[in-house]
Amino acid sequence: WVNKPLDQLSVQDIAEYRDQRLKTIKPSSLHRQFFVLRHALNMAGREWDWDVPEGILERVRIRLKPLKAVRRITQEQQTKLLSTCLERGRADMHLIVLTALRTALRRSEILSLEWKDIDCEKRLITVHHTKNGHYRTLPIAKDLHLQLSEARRAEEGMLFRLSANALRLAFDRIRAKADLKDIRFHDLRHEAISSF
């Protein structure tokens, strides 16, 4: 359908495209792609005075699954997860989990932190490598500040020396040992945001 002149584009063309795309991507992804196309058609019609089919994408429905409620991690589960890290001799994982719970940082953002990004005096963390490309500065919670201050001791370079895969495997072992197999690492971010 992308090779057709815009004035010949039909709802059926878009519906066939939708059905084809839904075989390979999720409805939410297609919905976002339609948003971009809708914006392009609106710009072409309103600002460039092109002859475009008005509202054609709005007439093609994409069934989205209802959003699931964000699953909260109880204080008891958080304590169990953190204590299991220490029981397994993984002080690094304890600090990673605590950082995730207190900052709502993504796994990649946590693993990109360097000691120079931690300002213990002002109690701030600066995250340079973010998903949207814009750095941000976060306050450090009291318990996290204590842990970071103890771990600092003239450290330089990366805060954590783990790859994303090593973190995933270590977290899987810890949550299995803590009998919390249904908690994913990303759930720590959700819990932090909910608690904020």
N, C-alpha and C. Protein backbone atom coordinates (compact mmCIF):
# COMPACT_ATOMS: atom_id res chain seq x y z
N TRP A 1 0.80 -1.22 0.00
CA TRP A 1 0.00 0.00 0.00
C TRP A 1 0.84 1.27 0.00
N VAL A 2 2.10 1.17 0.41
CA VAL A 2 2.93 2.38 0.46
C VAL A 2 3.26 2.91 -0.93
N ASN A 3 3.08 2.09 -1.96
CA ASN A 3 3.36 2.55 -3.33
C ASN A 3 2.14 3.20 -3.98
N LYS A 4 0.99 3.16 -3.32
CA LYS A 4 -0.22 3.77 -3.87
C LYS A 4 -0.21 5.28 -3.66
N PRO A 5 -0.78 6.03 -4.60
CA PRO A 5 -0.97 7.46 -4.35
C PRO A 5 -1.89 7.62 -3.12
N LEU A 6 -1.62 8.63 -2.31
CA LEU A 6 -2.37 8.80 -1.06
C LEU A 6 -3.87 8.92 -1.28
N ASP A 7 -4.28 9.58 -2.38
CA ASP A 7 -5.71 9.77 -2.60
C ASP A 7 -6.42 8.48 -3.00
N GLN A 8 -5.66 7.42 -3.31
CA GLN A 8 -6.26 6.12 -3.68
C GLN A 8 -6.20 5.12 -2.52
N LEU A 9 -5.62 5.52 -1.41
CA LEU A 9 -5.48 4.64 -0.26
C LEU A 9 -6.85 4.38 0.36
N SER A 10 -7.14 3.11 0.64
CA SER A 10 -8.45 2.76 1.20
C SER A 10 -8.30 2.16 2.60
N VAL A 11 -9.41 2.12 3.31
CA VAL A 11 -9.44 1.50 4.64
C VAL A 11 -9.06 0.03 4.52
N GLN A 12 -9.49 -0.62 3.45
CA GLN A 12 -9.17 -2.04 3.24
C GLN A 12 -7.66 -2.25 3.12
N ASP A 13 -6.96 -1.33 2.44
CA ASP A 13 -5.49 -1.43 2.32
C ASP A 13 -4.85 -1.41 3.70
N ILE A 14 -5.31 -0.48 4.54
CA ILE A 14 -4.74 -0.34 5.89
C ILE A 14 -5.10 -1.56 6.74
N ALA A 15 -6.33 -2.05 6.61
CA ALA A 15 -6.76 -3.22 7.39
C ALA A 15 -5.95 -4.46 7.02
N GLU A 16 -5.68 -4.63 5.73
CA GLU A 16 -4.85 -5.77 5.30
C GLU A 16 -3.43 -5.64 5.84
N TYR A 17 -2.89 -4.42 5.82
CA TYR A 17 -1.56 -4.17 6.38
C TYR A 17 -1.55 -4.48 7.87
N ARG A 18 -2.59 -4.03 8.58
CA ARG A 18 -2.69 -4.31 10.02
C ARG A 18 -2.65 -5.81 10.29
N ASP A 19 -3.46 -6.57 9.56
CA ASP A 19 -3.53 -8.02 9.77
C ASP A 19 -2.19 -8.69 9.49
N GLN A 20 -1.49 -8.22 8.46
CA GLN A 20 -0.18 -8.77 8.11
C GLN A 20 0.84 -8.45 9.20
N ARG A 21 0.86 -7.20 9.68
CA ARG A 21 1.83 -6.80 10.71
C ARG A 21 1.60 -7.50 12.03
N LEU A 22 0.33 -7.74 12.37
CA LEU A 22 0.02 -8.37 13.66
C LEU A 22 0.49 -9.82 13.74
N LYS A 23 0.93 -10.37 12.62
CA LYS A 23 1.50 -11.72 12.63
C LYS A 23 2.93 -11.69 13.16
N THR A 24 3.57 -10.51 13.13
CA THR A 24 4.98 -10.43 13.53
C THR A 24 5.25 -9.50 14.71
N ILE A 25 4.33 -8.57 15.01
CA ILE A 25 4.55 -7.64 16.12
C ILE A 25 3.33 -7.60 17.02
N LYS A 26 3.50 -7.04 18.20
CA LYS A 26 2.42 -6.92 19.17
C LYS A 26 1.48 -5.77 18.77
N PRO A 27 0.21 -5.86 19.19
CA PRO A 27 -0.72 -4.77 18.90
C PRO A 27 -0.24 -3.41 19.41
N SER A 28 0.39 -3.38 20.57
CA SER A 28 0.86 -2.10 21.11
C SER A 28 1.94 -1.49 20.21
N SER A 29 2.80 -2.33 19.61
CA SER A 29 3.82 -1.81 18.69
C SER A 29 3.18 -1.24 17.43
N LEU A 30 2.19 -1.95 16.91
CA LEU A 30 1.51 -1.46 15.71
C LEU A 30 0.74 -0.17 16.00
N HIS A 31 0.18 -0.10 17.18
CA HIS A 31 -0.54 1.11 17.58
C HIS A 31 0.40 2.32 17.58
N ARG A 32 1.63 2.13 18.08
CA ARG A 32 2.63 3.22 18.07
C ARG A 32 3.03 3.58 16.64
N GLN A 33 3.16 2.56 15.77
CA GLN A 33 3.51 2.84 14.37
C GLN A 33 2.39 3.61 13.68
N PHE A 34 1.14 3.24 13.98
CA PHE A 34 0.00 3.96 13.40
C PHE A 34 -0.02 5.41 13.87
N PHE A 35 0.40 5.64 15.10
CA PHE A 35 0.44 7.01 15.62
C PHE A 35 1.37 7.87 14.76
N VAL A 36 2.53 7.32 14.39
CA VAL A 36 3.49 8.05 13.55
C VAL A 36 2.89 8.31 12.16
N LEU A 37 2.26 7.28 11.59
CA LEU A 37 1.63 7.44 10.26
C LEU A 37 0.49 8.46 10.31
N ARG A 38 -0.30 8.40 11.39
CA ARG A 38 -1.42 9.34 11.55
C ARG A 38 -0.89 10.77 11.60
N HIS A 39 0.18 10.97 12.34
CA HIS A 39 0.78 12.31 12.44
C HIS A 39 1.28 12.78 11.07
N ALA A 40 1.93 11.88 10.33
CA ALA A 40 2.45 12.24 9.00
C ALA A 40 1.30 12.63 8.07
N LEU A 41 0.20 11.87 8.08
CA LEU A 41 -0.94 12.20 7.23
C LEU A 41 -1.57 13.53 7.64
N ASN A 42 -1.67 13.77 8.93
CA ASN A 42 -2.23 15.04 9.40
C ASN A 42 -1.37 16.23 8.97
N MET A 43 -0.05 16.07 9.09
CA MET A 43 0.86 17.14 8.67
C MET A 43 0.73 17.39 7.16
N ALA A 44 0.69 16.30 6.39
CA ALA A 44 0.59 16.43 4.94
C ALA A 44 -0.70 17.14 4.54
N GLY A 45 -1.80 16.81 5.21
CA GLY A 45 -3.09 17.41 4.86
C GLY A 45 -3.24 18.83 5.37
N ARG A 46 -2.88 19.07 6.62
CA ARG A 46 -3.14 20.38 7.23
C ARG A 46 -2.09 21.44 6.89
N GLU A 47 -0.82 21.05 6.92
CA GLU A 47 0.22 22.06 6.74
C GLU A 47 0.77 22.13 5.31
N TRP A 48 0.71 21.01 4.59
CA TRP A 48 1.28 21.02 3.25
C TRP A 48 0.21 21.06 2.17
N ASP A 49 -1.06 20.97 2.61
CA ASP A 49 -2.20 21.03 1.71
C ASP A 49 -2.19 19.92 0.66
N TRP A 50 -1.73 18.76 1.06
CA TRP A 50 -1.77 17.60 0.18
C TRP A 50 -3.17 16.99 0.22
N ASP A 51 -3.51 16.27 -0.81
CA ASP A 51 -4.80 15.56 -0.85
C ASP A 51 -4.59 14.19 -0.20
N VAL A 52 -4.95 14.10 1.08
CA VAL A 52 -4.77 12.85 1.82
C VAL A 52 -6.13 12.37 2.36
N PRO A 53 -6.30 11.06 2.51
CA PRO A 53 -7.56 10.56 3.05
C PRO A 53 -7.67 10.89 4.55
N GLU A 54 -8.63 11.75 4.88
CA GLU A 54 -8.80 12.20 6.27
C GLU A 54 -9.27 11.05 7.15
N GLY A 55 -8.61 10.86 8.26
CA GLY A 55 -9.05 9.91 9.28
C GLY A 55 -9.03 8.45 8.88
N ILE A 56 -8.28 8.10 7.86
CA ILE A 56 -8.29 6.71 7.39
C ILE A 56 -7.73 5.75 8.44
N LEU A 57 -6.69 6.18 9.15
CA LEU A 57 -6.09 5.30 10.15
C LEU A 57 -6.97 5.17 11.39
N GLU A 58 -7.75 6.20 11.68
CA GLU A 58 -8.66 6.13 12.83
C GLU A 58 -9.78 5.12 12.61
N ARG A 59 -10.08 4.83 11.35
CA ARG A 59 -11.17 3.90 11.04
C ARG A 59 -10.73 2.44 11.09
N VAL A 60 -9.42 2.21 11.20
CA VAL A 60 -8.90 0.84 11.29
C VAL A 60 -8.60 0.55 12.76
N ARG A 61 -9.25 -0.43 13.30
CA ARG A 61 -9.15 -0.70 14.74
C ARG A 61 -8.04 -1.70 15.04
N ILE A 62 -7.31 -1.42 16.10
CA ILE A 62 -6.28 -2.35 16.60
C ILE A 62 -6.70 -2.72 18.01
N ARG A 63 -7.00 -3.99 18.21
CA ARG A 63 -7.43 -4.44 19.54
C ARG A 63 -6.22 -4.53 20.46
N LEU A 64 -6.23 -3.70 21.49
CA LEU A 64 -5.16 -3.72 22.48
C LEU A 64 -5.61 -4.53 23.68
N LYS A 65 -4.69 -5.30 24.24
CA LYS A 65 -5.00 -6.02 25.46
C LYS A 65 -5.12 -5.02 26.61
N PRO A 66 -6.05 -5.26 27.52
CA PRO A 66 -6.14 -4.34 28.66
C PRO A 66 -4.86 -4.38 29.48
N LEU A 67 -4.47 -3.22 30.00
CA LEU A 67 -3.25 -3.15 30.80
C LEU A 67 -3.42 -3.93 32.10
N LYS A 68 -2.37 -4.65 32.44
CA LYS A 68 -2.38 -5.38 33.71
C LYS A 68 -2.05 -4.42 34.84
N ALA A 69 -2.58 -4.72 36.00
CA ALA A 69 -2.24 -3.91 37.17
C ALA A 69 -0.77 -4.15 37.51
N VAL A 70 -0.10 -3.10 37.96
CA VAL A 70 1.30 -3.23 38.34
C VAL A 70 1.37 -4.04 39.63
N ARG A 71 2.13 -5.11 39.57
CA ARG A 71 2.26 -6.00 40.73
C ARG A 71 3.23 -5.39 41.71
N ARG A 72 2.79 -5.21 42.94
CA ARG A 72 3.65 -4.63 43.97
C ARG A 72 4.49 -5.72 44.63
N ILE A 73 5.69 -5.35 45.04
CA ILE A 73 6.57 -6.25 45.79
C ILE A 73 6.47 -5.80 47.25
N THR A 74 6.03 -6.70 48.10
CA THR A 74 5.82 -6.33 49.50
C THR A 74 7.15 -6.04 50.18
N GLN A 75 7.07 -5.36 51.32
CA GLN A 75 8.27 -5.06 52.10
C GLN A 75 8.94 -6.35 52.54
N GLU A 76 8.14 -7.35 52.88
CA GLU A 76 8.68 -8.66 53.30
C GLU A 76 9.46 -9.30 52.15
N GLN A 77 8.92 -9.24 50.93
CA GLN A 77 9.60 -9.81 49.77
C GLN A 77 10.89 -9.05 49.46
N GLN A 78 10.86 -7.73 49.60
CA GLN A 78 12.06 -6.93 49.37
C GLN A 78 13.16 -7.32 50.37
N THR A 79 12.77 -7.44 51.63
CA THR A 79 13.73 -7.81 52.68
C THR A 79 14.30 -9.20 52.40
N LYS A 80 13.44 -10.13 51.99
CA LYS A 80 13.89 -11.50 51.70
C LYS A 80 14.87 -11.51 50.52
N LEU A 81 14.56 -10.74 49.50
CA LEU A 81 15.42 -10.67 48.32
C LEU A 81 16.79 -10.09 48.69
N LEU A 82 16.79 -9.00 49.44
CA LEU A 82 18.04 -8.36 49.85
C LEU A 82 18.87 -9.24 50.77
N SER A 83 18.21 -9.90 51.73
CA SER A 83 18.95 -10.75 52.66
C SER A 83 19.51 -11.99 51.96
N THR A 84 18.79 -12.49 50.96
CA THR A 84 19.28 -13.64 50.20
C THR A 84 20.54 -13.27 49.42
N CYS A 85 20.60 -12.05 48.91
CA CYS A 85 21.81 -11.58 48.23
C CYS A 85 23.01 -11.71 49.17
N LEU A 86 22.84 -11.25 50.40
CA LEU A 86 23.95 -11.28 51.37
C LEU A 86 24.26 -12.70 51.80
N GLU A 87 23.23 -13.53 51.99
CA GLU A 87 23.44 -14.93 52.38
C GLU A 87 24.24 -15.68 51.32
N ARG A 88 24.02 -15.32 50.06
CA ARG A 88 24.73 -15.98 48.95
C ARG A 88 26.11 -15.36 48.73
N GLY A 89 26.49 -14.40 49.57
CA GLY A 89 27.80 -13.77 49.43
C GLY A 89 27.88 -12.81 48.26
N ARG A 90 26.74 -12.26 47.86
CA ARG A 90 26.69 -11.36 46.71
C ARG A 90 26.38 -9.94 47.16
N ALA A 91 27.38 -9.30 47.77
CA ALA A 91 27.21 -7.91 48.21
C ALA A 91 26.95 -7.00 47.00
N ASP A 92 27.54 -7.35 45.85
CA ASP A 92 27.31 -6.54 44.64
C ASP A 92 25.84 -6.61 44.22
N MET A 93 25.25 -7.80 44.29
CA MET A 93 23.84 -7.95 43.93
C MET A 93 22.94 -7.26 44.95
N HIS A 94 23.34 -7.29 46.21
CA HIS A 94 22.57 -6.59 47.25
C HIS A 94 22.50 -5.10 46.91
N LEU A 95 23.64 -4.52 46.53
CA LEU A 95 23.69 -3.11 46.19
C LEU A 95 22.92 -2.81 44.90
N ILE A 96 22.97 -3.72 43.94
CA ILE A 96 22.23 -3.54 42.68
C ILE A 96 20.73 -3.56 42.94
N VAL A 97 20.26 -4.55 43.70
CA VAL A 97 18.82 -4.66 44.00
C VAL A 97 18.36 -3.45 44.79
N LEU A 98 19.14 -3.04 45.78
CA LEU A 98 18.80 -1.87 46.59
C LEU A 98 18.75 -0.61 45.72
N THR A 99 19.70 -0.48 44.82
CA THR A 99 19.71 0.66 43.90
C THR A 99 18.46 0.67 43.03
N ALA A 100 18.08 -0.49 42.51
CA ALA A 100 16.87 -0.57 41.68
C ALA A 100 15.62 -0.20 42.47
N LEU A 101 15.54 -0.67 43.71
CA LEU A 101 14.37 -0.40 44.56
C LEU A 101 14.28 1.06 45.02
N ARG A 102 15.41 1.73 45.13
CA ARG A 102 15.40 3.10 45.65
C ARG A 102 15.48 4.19 44.58
N THR A 103 15.84 3.81 43.34
CA THR A 103 16.01 4.82 42.30
C THR A 103 15.09 4.64 41.09
N ALA A 104 14.54 3.44 40.91
CA ALA A 104 13.72 3.10 39.74
C ALA A 104 14.53 3.12 38.44
N LEU A 105 15.84 2.93 38.56
CA LEU A 105 16.68 2.87 37.37
C LEU A 105 16.49 1.54 36.66
N ARG A 106 16.64 1.57 35.36
CA ARG A 106 16.61 0.34 34.57
C ARG A 106 17.92 -0.42 34.78
N ARG A 107 17.90 -1.71 34.44
CA ARG A 107 19.09 -2.54 34.59
C ARG A 107 20.28 -1.95 33.84
N SER A 108 20.05 -1.52 32.59
CA SER A 108 21.15 -0.97 31.79
C SER A 108 21.68 0.32 32.40
N GLU A 109 20.79 1.12 33.00
CA GLU A 109 21.22 2.37 33.62
C GLU A 109 22.07 2.10 34.87
N ILE A 110 21.66 1.10 35.64
CA ILE A 110 22.42 0.72 36.84
C ILE A 110 23.81 0.23 36.45
N LEU A 111 23.86 -0.63 35.44
CA LEU A 111 25.15 -1.20 35.03
C LEU A 111 26.07 -0.17 34.36
N SER A 112 25.51 0.96 33.91
CA SER A 112 26.34 1.99 33.27
C SER A 112 26.91 2.99 34.29
N LEU A 113 26.48 2.90 35.56
CA LEU A 113 26.94 3.85 36.57
C LEU A 113 28.43 3.71 36.86
N GLU A 114 29.08 4.85 37.01
CA GLU A 114 30.48 4.89 37.42
C GLU A 114 30.54 5.59 38.77
N TRP A 115 31.64 5.36 39.50
CA TRP A 115 31.78 5.98 40.82
C TRP A 115 31.75 7.51 40.72
N LYS A 116 32.22 8.06 39.63
CA LYS A 116 32.20 9.52 39.48
C LYS A 116 30.77 10.06 39.36
N ASP A 117 29.80 9.17 39.07
CA ASP A 117 28.40 9.57 38.97
C ASP A 117 27.72 9.65 40.34
N ILE A 118 28.41 9.18 41.37
CA ILE A 118 27.84 9.15 42.73
C ILE A 118 28.44 10.31 43.53
N ASP A 119 27.59 11.22 43.97
CA ASP A 119 28.03 12.34 44.81
C ASP A 119 27.47 12.09 46.21
N CYS A 120 28.30 11.45 47.06
CA CYS A 120 27.85 11.09 48.41
C CYS A 120 27.63 12.32 49.28
N GLU A 121 28.39 13.40 49.04
CA GLU A 121 28.21 14.61 49.84
C GLU A 121 26.85 15.26 49.60
N LYS A 122 26.48 15.39 48.32
CA LYS A 122 25.19 16.00 47.98
C LYS A 122 24.06 14.97 47.93
N ARG A 123 24.44 13.69 48.06
CA ARG A 123 23.49 12.57 48.03
C ARG A 123 22.72 12.55 46.71
N LEU A 124 23.49 12.53 45.60
CA LEU A 124 22.90 12.53 44.26
C LEU A 124 23.58 11.49 43.37
N ILE A 125 22.79 10.91 42.50
CA ILE A 125 23.31 10.02 41.46
C ILE A 125 22.99 10.68 40.12
N THR A 126 23.99 10.79 39.25
CA THR A 126 23.76 11.32 37.91
C THR A 126 23.84 10.15 36.93
N VAL A 127 22.77 9.97 36.17
CA VAL A 127 22.69 8.88 35.19
C VAL A 127 22.90 9.48 33.82
N HIS A 128 23.99 9.08 33.16
CA HIS A 128 24.34 9.64 31.85
C HIS A 128 23.79 8.79 30.70
N HIS A 129 23.76 7.48 30.89
CA HIS A 129 23.34 6.57 29.82
C HIS A 129 21.89 6.15 30.07
N THR A 130 20.95 6.92 29.52
CA THR A 130 19.53 6.66 29.74
C THR A 130 18.87 6.19 28.46
N LYS A 131 17.66 5.67 28.59
CA LYS A 131 16.94 5.16 27.43
C LYS A 131 16.60 6.28 26.44
N ASN A 132 16.24 7.45 26.97
CA ASN A 132 15.85 8.55 26.07
C ASN A 132 17.03 9.44 25.67
N GLY A 133 18.22 9.16 26.22
CA GLY A 133 19.40 9.93 25.85
C GLY A 133 19.63 11.19 26.66
N HIS A 134 18.72 11.54 27.57
CA HIS A 134 18.87 12.73 28.40
C HIS A 134 19.33 12.31 29.79
N TYR A 135 20.42 12.90 30.26
CA TYR A 135 20.91 12.53 31.58
C TYR A 135 19.94 13.05 32.63
N ARG A 136 19.94 12.42 33.80
CA ARG A 136 19.11 12.89 34.90
C ARG A 136 19.84 12.69 36.22
N THR A 137 19.45 13.48 37.20
CA THR A 137 20.05 13.41 38.53
C THR A 137 18.98 13.00 39.53
N LEU A 138 19.32 12.03 40.38
CA LEU A 138 18.37 11.48 41.34
C LEU A 138 18.89 11.61 42.76
N PRO A 139 18.01 11.79 43.72
CA PRO A 139 18.45 11.79 45.11
C PRO A 139 18.76 10.37 45.57
N ILE A 140 19.66 10.24 46.50
CA ILE A 140 20.02 8.93 47.05
C ILE A 140 19.29 8.75 48.38
N ALA A 141 18.51 7.68 48.49
CA ALA A 141 17.80 7.37 49.73
C ALA A 141 18.79 7.06 50.84
N LYS A 142 18.34 7.20 52.07
CA LYS A 142 19.22 7.08 53.23
C LYS A 142 19.94 5.72 53.30
N ASP A 143 19.18 4.62 53.16
CA ASP A 143 19.81 3.30 53.25
C ASP A 143 20.76 3.03 52.09
N LEU A 144 20.41 3.52 50.89
CA LEU A 144 21.29 3.36 49.73
C LEU A 144 22.54 4.21 49.90
N HIS A 145 22.39 5.40 50.46
CA HIS A 145 23.54 6.29 50.70
C HIS A 145 24.54 5.61 51.64
N LEU A 146 24.03 4.98 52.68
CA LEU A 146 24.89 4.28 53.64
C LEU A 146 25.66 3.16 52.94
N GLN A 147 24.98 2.37 52.12
CA GLN A 147 25.63 1.26 51.41
C GLN A 147 26.67 1.77 50.41
N LEU A 148 26.33 2.82 49.68
CA LEU A 148 27.27 3.37 48.69
C LEU A 148 28.49 3.97 49.37
N SER A 149 28.28 4.64 50.50
CA SER A 149 29.40 5.23 51.24
C SER A 149 30.35 4.16 51.74
N GLU A 150 29.81 3.05 52.22
CA GLU A 150 30.65 1.94 52.70
C GLU A 150 31.38 1.26 51.56
N ALA A 151 30.73 1.13 50.41
CA ALA A 151 31.32 0.44 49.26
C ALA A 151 32.36 1.31 48.55
N ARG A 152 32.27 2.61 48.70
CA ARG A 152 33.12 3.54 47.93
C ARG A 152 34.60 3.29 48.15
N ARG A 153 35.11 3.57 49.31
CA ARG A 153 36.51 3.32 49.69
C ARG A 153 37.51 3.43 48.54
N ALA A 154 37.63 4.58 47.98
CA ALA A 154 38.62 4.88 46.93
C ALA A 154 38.42 4.05 45.67
N GLU A 155 37.20 3.62 45.42
CA GLU A 155 36.91 2.90 44.18
C GLU A 155 36.89 3.87 43.02
N GLU A 156 37.25 3.42 41.86
CA GLU A 156 37.18 4.22 40.64
C GLU A 156 36.57 3.36 39.55
N GLY A 157 36.21 3.96 38.45
CA GLY A 157 35.67 3.22 37.32
C GLY A 157 34.22 2.86 37.51
N MET A 158 33.86 1.68 37.01
CA MET A 158 32.47 1.25 37.03
C MET A 158 32.02 0.91 38.45
N LEU A 159 30.79 1.24 38.74
CA LEU A 159 30.22 0.92 40.05
C LEU A 159 30.02 -0.58 40.18
N PHE A 160 29.54 -1.20 39.11
CA PHE A 160 29.33 -2.65 39.10
C PHE A 160 30.07 -3.25 37.91
N ARG A 161 30.76 -4.34 38.16
CA ARG A 161 31.54 -4.98 37.09
C ARG A 161 30.85 -6.26 36.63
N LEU A 162 29.61 -6.12 36.20
CA LEU A 162 28.82 -7.25 35.72
C LEU A 162 28.28 -6.93 34.33
N SER A 163 28.17 -7.94 33.51
CA SER A 163 27.48 -7.76 32.23
C SER A 163 25.98 -7.91 32.49
N ALA A 164 25.19 -7.51 31.53
CA ALA A 164 23.73 -7.64 31.66
C ALA A 164 23.34 -9.10 31.83
N ASN A 165 24.00 -10.00 31.12
CA ASN A 165 23.69 -11.43 31.22
C ASN A 165 24.11 -11.99 32.59
N ALA A 166 25.26 -11.57 33.08
CA ALA A 166 25.70 -12.03 34.41
C ALA A 166 24.73 -11.56 35.49
N LEU A 167 24.24 -10.34 35.36
CA LEU A 167 23.26 -9.83 36.32
C LEU A 167 21.97 -10.64 36.25
N ARG A 168 21.52 -10.93 35.03
CA ARG A 168 20.30 -11.71 34.86
C ARG A 168 20.42 -13.08 35.51
N LEU A 169 21.54 -13.75 35.27
CA LEU A 169 21.74 -15.09 35.83
C LEU A 169 21.85 -15.05 37.35
N ALA A 170 22.58 -14.07 37.88
CA ALA A 170 22.72 -13.93 39.34
C ALA A 170 21.38 -13.64 39.98
N PHE A 171 20.59 -12.75 39.36
CA PHE A 171 19.28 -12.43 39.90
C PHE A 171 18.36 -13.65 39.87
N ASP A 172 18.42 -14.43 38.79
CA ASP A 172 17.60 -15.65 38.70
C ASP A 172 17.93 -16.62 39.83
N ARG A 173 19.23 -16.78 40.13
CA ARG A 173 19.64 -17.69 41.21
C ARG A 173 19.16 -17.17 42.58
N ILE A 174 19.27 -15.86 42.78
CA ILE A 174 18.88 -15.27 44.07
C ILE A 174 17.38 -15.36 44.28
N ARG A 175 16.60 -15.04 43.25
CA ARG A 175 15.15 -15.09 43.43
C ARG A 175 14.67 -16.53 43.60
N ALA A 176 15.35 -17.49 42.96
CA ALA A 176 14.99 -18.89 43.15
C ALA A 176 15.29 -19.33 44.58
N LYS A 177 16.44 -18.94 45.10
CA LYS A 177 16.83 -19.28 46.47
C LYS A 177 15.89 -18.63 47.48
N ALA A 178 15.41 -17.41 47.17
CA ALA A 178 14.49 -16.69 48.06
C ALA A 178 13.05 -17.14 47.87
N ASP A 179 12.82 -18.08 46.94
CA ASP A 179 11.49 -18.57 46.60
C ASP A 179 10.58 -17.43 46.14
N LEU A 180 11.15 -16.57 45.29
CA LEU A 180 10.41 -15.44 44.72
C LEU A 180 10.55 -15.49 43.19
N LYS A 181 10.28 -16.65 42.61
CA LYS A 181 10.53 -16.88 41.19
C LYS A 181 9.66 -16.04 40.26
N ASP A 182 8.54 -15.53 40.77
CA ASP A 182 7.66 -14.75 39.91
C ASP A 182 8.03 -13.26 39.85
N ILE A 183 9.07 -12.86 40.58
CA ILE A 183 9.52 -11.46 40.54
C ILE A 183 10.63 -11.32 39.50
N ARG A 184 10.40 -10.38 38.57
CA ARG A 184 11.42 -10.09 37.55
C ARG A 184 12.22 -8.88 37.98
N PHE A 185 13.41 -8.71 37.42
CA PHE A 185 14.24 -7.57 37.80
C PHE A 185 13.52 -6.26 37.49
N HIS A 186 12.82 -6.20 36.37
CA HIS A 186 12.12 -4.97 35.99
C HIS A 186 11.01 -4.63 36.99
N ASP A 187 10.50 -5.63 37.72
CA ASP A 187 9.49 -5.38 38.75
C ASP A 187 10.04 -4.49 39.86
N LEU A 188 11.35 -4.51 40.07
CA LEU A 188 11.97 -3.65 41.08
C LEU A 188 11.78 -2.18 40.70
N ARG A 189 11.89 -1.90 39.42
CA ARG A 189 11.67 -0.53 38.90
C ARG A 189 10.22 -0.12 39.13
N HIS A 190 9.29 -1.03 38.78
CA HIS A 190 7.87 -0.74 38.98
C HIS A 190 7.55 -0.47 40.45
N GLU A 191 8.14 -1.27 41.33
CA GLU A 191 7.90 -1.09 42.76
C GLU A 191 8.44 0.26 43.23
N ALA A 192 9.63 0.61 42.75
CA ALA A 192 10.21 1.91 43.14
C ALA A 192 9.33 3.06 42.70
N ILE A 193 8.85 3.01 41.47
CA ILE A 193 7.99 4.07 40.95
C ILE A 193 6.69 4.13 41.74
N SER A 194 6.11 2.97 42.03
CA SER A 194 4.86 2.94 42.81
C SER A 194 5.07 3.50 44.22
N SER A 195 6.21 3.19 44.83
CA SER A 195 6.45 3.68 46.17
C SER A 195 6.73 5.18 46.18
N PHE A 196 7.29 5.71 45.07
CA PHE A 196 7.49 7.16 44.99
C PHE A 196 6.15 7.87 45.05
